Protein backbone atom coordinates (compact mmCIF):
# COMPACT_ATOMS: atom_id res chain seq x y z
CA UNK A 1 23.14 86.99 36.30
CA UNK A 2 24.41 87.64 32.78
CA UNK A 3 28.03 86.69 33.40
CA UNK A 4 27.06 83.34 34.90
CA UNK A 5 24.84 82.53 31.91
CA UNK A 6 27.62 83.65 29.58
CA UNK A 7 30.11 81.15 30.88
CA UNK A 8 28.09 78.20 32.08
CA UNK A 9 27.82 76.61 28.61
CA UNK A 10 30.83 78.26 27.02
CA UNK A 11 33.46 75.58 27.51
CA UNK A 12 33.30 71.91 26.54
CA UNK A 13 35.91 69.39 27.59
CA UNK A 14 37.53 67.27 24.93
CA UNK A 15 38.04 63.62 25.83
CA UNK A 16 41.80 62.90 25.76
CA UNK A 17 43.24 59.39 25.89
CA UNK A 18 42.74 57.70 29.24
CA UNK A 19 46.09 55.92 29.34
CA UNK A 20 49.33 57.20 30.87
CA UNK A 21 51.75 56.49 27.99
CA UNK A 22 54.99 54.61 28.52
CA UNK A 23 56.93 57.18 26.53
CA UNK A 24 58.13 60.30 28.32
CA UNK A 25 57.87 62.41 25.20
CA UNK A 26 54.71 64.17 24.08
CA UNK A 27 54.21 66.71 21.31
CA UNK A 28 52.66 70.04 22.25
CA UNK A 29 48.97 69.74 23.12
CA UNK A 30 48.95 65.94 22.68
CA UNK A 31 48.09 65.56 26.33
CA UNK A 32 47.95 62.25 28.11
CA UNK A 33 45.69 61.73 31.12
CA UNK A 34 46.23 60.97 34.76
CA UNK A 35 43.36 59.19 36.54
CA UNK A 36 40.02 60.64 35.38
CA UNK A 37 38.82 60.36 38.99
CA UNK A 38 39.63 63.82 40.38
CA UNK A 39 39.44 62.53 43.95
CA UNK A 40 42.66 60.55 43.43
CA UNK A 41 44.70 63.45 42.06
CA UNK A 42 46.37 66.39 43.75
CA UNK A 43 48.68 68.99 42.28
CA UNK A 44 51.45 67.59 44.46
CA UNK A 45 50.89 63.95 43.49
CA UNK A 46 51.06 64.76 39.78
CA UNK A 47 54.14 66.96 40.25
CA UNK A 48 55.84 64.26 42.31
CA UNK A 49 55.14 61.63 39.68
CA UNK A 50 56.45 63.75 36.81
CA UNK A 51 59.56 65.40 38.27
CA UNK A 52 60.49 63.50 41.48
CA UNK A 53 61.51 66.59 43.51
CA UNK A 54 62.92 64.73 46.55
CA UNK A 55 66.58 65.59 47.12
CA UNK A 56 66.56 68.38 44.55
CA UNK A 57 66.93 72.16 44.66
CA UNK A 58 63.54 73.54 43.64
CA UNK A 59 62.15 77.05 43.12
CA UNK A 60 58.41 77.69 43.43
CA UNK A 61 57.78 80.77 41.29
CA UNK A 62 54.84 82.67 42.71
CA UNK A 63 54.66 80.66 45.93
CA UNK A 64 51.73 82.55 47.49
CA UNK A 65 51.11 81.39 51.05
CA UNK A 66 53.85 78.80 50.72
CA UNK A 67 51.76 75.62 50.89
CA UNK A 68 53.62 73.93 48.02
CA UNK A 69 56.98 75.05 49.39
CA UNK A 70 56.24 73.37 52.73
CA UNK A 71 54.99 70.22 51.00
CA UNK A 72 58.14 70.05 48.89
CA UNK A 73 60.29 70.41 52.00
CA UNK A 74 58.32 67.57 53.53
CA UNK A 75 59.20 65.40 50.53
CA UNK A 76 62.89 66.04 51.07
CA UNK A 77 63.40 68.75 48.45
CA UNK A 78 65.36 71.95 49.12
CA UNK A 79 62.79 74.57 48.11
CA UNK A 80 62.94 78.31 47.55
CA UNK A 81 59.70 80.28 47.37
CA UNK A 82 59.59 83.46 45.29
CA UNK A 83 56.91 86.16 45.46
CA UNK A 84 56.65 89.63 44.00
CA UNK A 85 56.57 91.63 47.22
CA UNK A 86 57.06 91.42 50.96
CA UNK A 87 53.30 91.73 51.35
CA UNK A 88 52.66 88.74 49.08
CA UNK A 89 55.36 86.71 50.82
CA UNK A 90 54.30 87.49 54.40
CA UNK A 91 51.85 84.60 54.79
CA UNK A 92 54.36 82.03 53.54
CA UNK A 93 57.01 83.22 55.99
CA UNK A 94 54.54 83.35 58.88
CA UNK A 95 53.26 79.82 58.26
CA UNK A 96 56.65 78.20 57.86
CA UNK A 97 57.56 76.52 61.13
CA UNK A 98 61.14 75.58 60.43
CA UNK A 99 60.80 73.67 57.15
CA UNK A 100 64.25 74.81 56.06
CA UNK A 101 62.87 76.56 53.00
CA UNK A 102 64.10 79.94 51.82
CA UNK A 103 61.85 82.79 50.69
CA UNK A 104 62.90 85.54 48.30
CA UNK A 105 61.28 88.59 46.72
CA UNK A 106 61.43 88.71 42.95
CA UNK A 107 59.57 88.38 39.68
CA UNK A 108 59.31 85.48 37.28
CA UNK A 109 60.96 87.55 34.56
CA UNK A 110 64.02 88.22 36.74
CA UNK A 111 64.36 85.51 39.36
CA UNK A 112 66.58 86.40 42.34
CA UNK A 113 68.72 83.30 41.79
CA UNK A 114 72.08 82.65 40.14
CA UNK A 115 72.46 80.89 36.81
CA UNK A 116 72.34 77.07 36.95
CA UNK A 117 71.32 76.98 40.62
CA UNK A 118 68.21 74.73 40.71
CA UNK A 119 67.12 71.34 39.44
CA UNK A 120 63.41 72.13 39.09
CA UNK A 121 61.67 75.45 38.45
CA UNK A 122 57.93 75.31 39.16
CA UNK A 123 55.05 77.51 38.03
CA UNK A 124 52.13 76.07 40.01
CA UNK A 125 49.02 77.87 38.71
CA UNK A 126 51.09 81.03 38.32
CA UNK A 127 52.29 81.33 34.73
CA UNK A 128 49.03 82.97 33.63
CA UNK A 129 49.59 85.71 36.23
CA UNK A 130 52.68 86.86 34.31
CA UNK A 131 51.77 89.69 31.91
CA UNK A 132 51.32 88.13 28.43
CA UNK A 133 54.14 90.15 26.81
CA UNK A 134 56.52 88.77 29.47
CA UNK A 135 55.59 85.08 29.33
CA UNK A 136 58.51 83.95 27.19
CA UNK A 137 60.87 86.07 29.30
CA UNK A 138 59.59 84.28 32.41
CA UNK A 139 60.07 80.87 30.84
CA UNK A 140 63.51 81.96 29.64
CA UNK A 141 64.56 83.04 33.11
CA UNK A 142 63.37 79.73 34.52
CA UNK A 143 65.62 78.05 31.95
CA UNK A 144 68.51 80.33 33.01
CA UNK A 145 68.44 79.12 36.61
CA UNK A 146 68.29 75.41 35.65
CA UNK A 147 71.26 73.16 36.05
CA UNK A 148 72.07 70.86 33.12
CA UNK A 149 69.38 68.19 32.96
CA UNK A 150 66.98 70.33 35.00
CA UNK A 151 63.25 70.69 34.47
CA UNK A 152 60.72 73.50 34.22
CA UNK A 153 57.35 72.29 35.49
CA UNK A 154 54.21 74.26 34.70
CA UNK A 155 50.74 73.35 36.01
CA UNK A 156 47.95 75.58 34.73
CA UNK A 157 44.19 75.57 35.28
CA UNK A 158 42.31 75.34 32.01
CA UNK A 159 39.68 77.91 31.04
CA UNK A 160 36.70 75.57 31.39
CA UNK A 161 34.41 74.00 33.96
CA UNK A 162 32.18 75.22 36.79
CA UNK A 163 35.00 76.50 38.97
CA UNK A 164 36.27 78.66 36.13
CA UNK A 165 32.73 79.97 35.64
CA UNK A 166 32.58 80.92 39.32
CA UNK A 167 35.96 82.64 39.45
CA UNK A 168 35.24 84.51 36.22
CA UNK A 169 32.65 86.58 38.08
CA UNK A 170 35.58 88.05 40.01
CA UNK A 171 38.10 88.10 37.19
CA UNK A 172 37.72 86.70 33.69
CA UNK A 173 41.02 84.90 33.07
CA UNK A 174 40.17 83.27 29.77
CA UNK A 175 42.54 85.45 27.74
CA UNK A 176 45.50 85.16 30.13
CA UNK A 177 45.09 81.40 30.52
CA UNK A 178 45.04 81.02 26.75
CA UNK A 179 48.11 83.24 26.52
CA UNK A 180 49.93 80.97 28.98
CA UNK A 181 49.08 77.89 26.91
CA UNK A 182 50.23 79.66 23.74
CA UNK A 183 53.52 80.55 25.42
CA UNK A 184 54.04 76.92 26.38
CA UNK A 185 53.33 75.91 22.81
CA UNK A 186 56.05 78.34 21.72
CA UNK A 187 58.49 77.51 24.52
CA UNK A 188 61.26 76.92 22.00
CA UNK A 189 61.44 80.72 21.83
CA UNK A 190 62.62 80.61 25.45
CA UNK A 191 65.15 77.87 24.79
CA UNK A 192 62.93 75.12 26.19
CA UNK A 193 61.59 71.89 24.77
CA UNK A 194 58.12 70.75 25.82
CA UNK A 195 58.69 67.04 26.49
CA UNK A 196 55.55 65.93 28.29
CA UNK A 197 52.01 67.22 28.67
CA UNK A 198 49.49 65.67 31.04
CA UNK A 199 45.88 66.65 31.70
CA UNK A 200 44.36 65.87 35.07
CA UNK A 201 41.46 66.94 37.29
CA UNK A 202 41.55 67.83 40.95
CA UNK A 203 38.61 68.07 43.33
CA UNK A 204 38.23 71.31 45.25
CA UNK A 205 35.70 71.38 48.10
CA UNK A 206 34.81 74.65 49.79
CA UNK A 207 32.78 74.70 53.01
CA UNK A 208 31.11 78.01 52.21
CA UNK A 209 31.31 81.22 50.22
CA UNK A 210 33.69 82.76 52.77
CA UNK A 211 36.20 79.98 52.06
CA UNK A 212 35.92 80.70 48.34
CA UNK A 213 36.57 84.39 49.05
CA UNK A 214 39.68 83.56 51.07
CA UNK A 215 41.01 81.31 48.30
CA UNK A 216 40.27 83.86 45.58
CA UNK A 217 41.70 86.89 47.38
CA UNK A 218 44.87 85.02 48.42
CA UNK A 219 45.92 85.03 44.76
CA UNK A 220 45.55 88.81 44.48
CA UNK A 221 44.49 90.98 47.44
CA UNK A 222 43.05 93.53 45.01
CA UNK A 223 40.30 91.02 44.22
CA UNK A 224 38.67 91.62 47.62
CA UNK A 225 36.86 94.78 46.49
CA UNK A 226 35.62 93.13 43.29
CA UNK A 227 34.46 90.08 45.22
CA UNK A 228 32.47 92.15 47.68
CA UNK A 229 30.93 94.22 44.89
CA UNK A 230 29.58 91.05 43.25
CA UNK A 231 28.74 89.25 46.48
CA UNK A 232 25.08 88.52 45.66
CA UNK A 233 25.91 87.18 42.21
CA UNK A 234 28.70 85.03 43.63
CA UNK A 235 26.44 83.66 46.35
CA UNK A 236 23.85 82.60 43.76
CA UNK A 237 26.49 81.03 41.51
CA UNK A 238 28.13 79.22 44.43
CA UNK A 239 24.81 77.50 45.21
CA UNK A 240 24.22 76.49 41.57
CA UNK A 241 27.63 75.38 40.30
CA UNK A 242 29.64 72.30 41.21
CA UNK A 243 27.96 69.69 43.37
CA UNK A 244 27.02 69.35 47.04
CA UNK A 245 29.79 68.22 49.37
CA UNK A 246 29.49 65.99 52.41
CA UNK A 247 28.82 68.85 54.83
CA UNK A 248 25.88 71.29 54.79
CA UNK A 249 26.63 74.25 52.54
CA UNK A 250 29.77 72.71 51.06
CA UNK A 251 30.29 72.80 47.28
CA UNK A 252 32.76 70.65 45.39
CA UNK A 253 34.25 71.33 41.98
CA UNK A 254 36.26 69.27 39.51
CA UNK A 255 39.01 71.59 38.27
CA UNK A 256 40.68 70.68 34.95
CA UNK A 257 44.45 71.15 34.96
CA UNK A 258 47.29 70.76 32.47
CA UNK A 259 50.86 69.98 33.54
CA UNK A 260 53.84 70.49 31.25
CA UNK A 261 57.38 69.24 31.69
CA UNK A 262 59.97 71.29 29.80
CA UNK A 263 63.71 70.89 29.51
CA UNK A 264 66.44 73.07 28.09
CA UNK A 265 66.86 72.77 24.36
CA UNK A 266 70.52 71.76 24.25
CA UNK A 267 70.85 73.17 20.79
CA UNK A 268 70.21 76.66 22.17
CA UNK A 269 72.57 76.52 25.15
């Protein structure tokens, strides 16, 4: 399969410093590292360590099926999940069994929230889904809804590794992921200061190809047709990439992530 061969050697990881620095400040792209053992990291554990959401008003921008929203509520945060349509929000509402969270329809570029109404605005793997021309507008609107001292938290998958190779058969996101990183590097244009950058890996284990399809299509239902069109190629790649899991047929992947903590640039308020 040409696309698989195209990507499998295309991306090489750089080796960032292993230590978690004592300082909370980090220049753009000077990323520190969480534990290099992906099995000890989760998106939630890194978020919790960097922004301490308990007791805070938090918006999850692009909340999908609402998993992070429910986890945040479980930590004692007061979360709001935002999705672009009723269709995209339906799973989150259906799966919420009284967490106390709110769910709203809206876009990252025009959040359905008042000015200065949240303590933390989160883009969890969602910033690269904003159209590239609108990235700074989305970051700027996240800044708008922050209270003084609030934080914008962005966690983005990097365009490298076996899992990226696999998902690229369905949709090649290299350009949009790079655009998201470029927008973060230029966040001052949205009135934000990038104060900490941390690279980490998470381990994703999928019991079978059907589970990968569910995960992939949940991001964008329009991917279902593309997935089914390339089913044979995906099946072959799924067997070759990553590593065997503990159960028969399971494949596990180390997914490289980058988390950024941004705060309002007081000079631009």
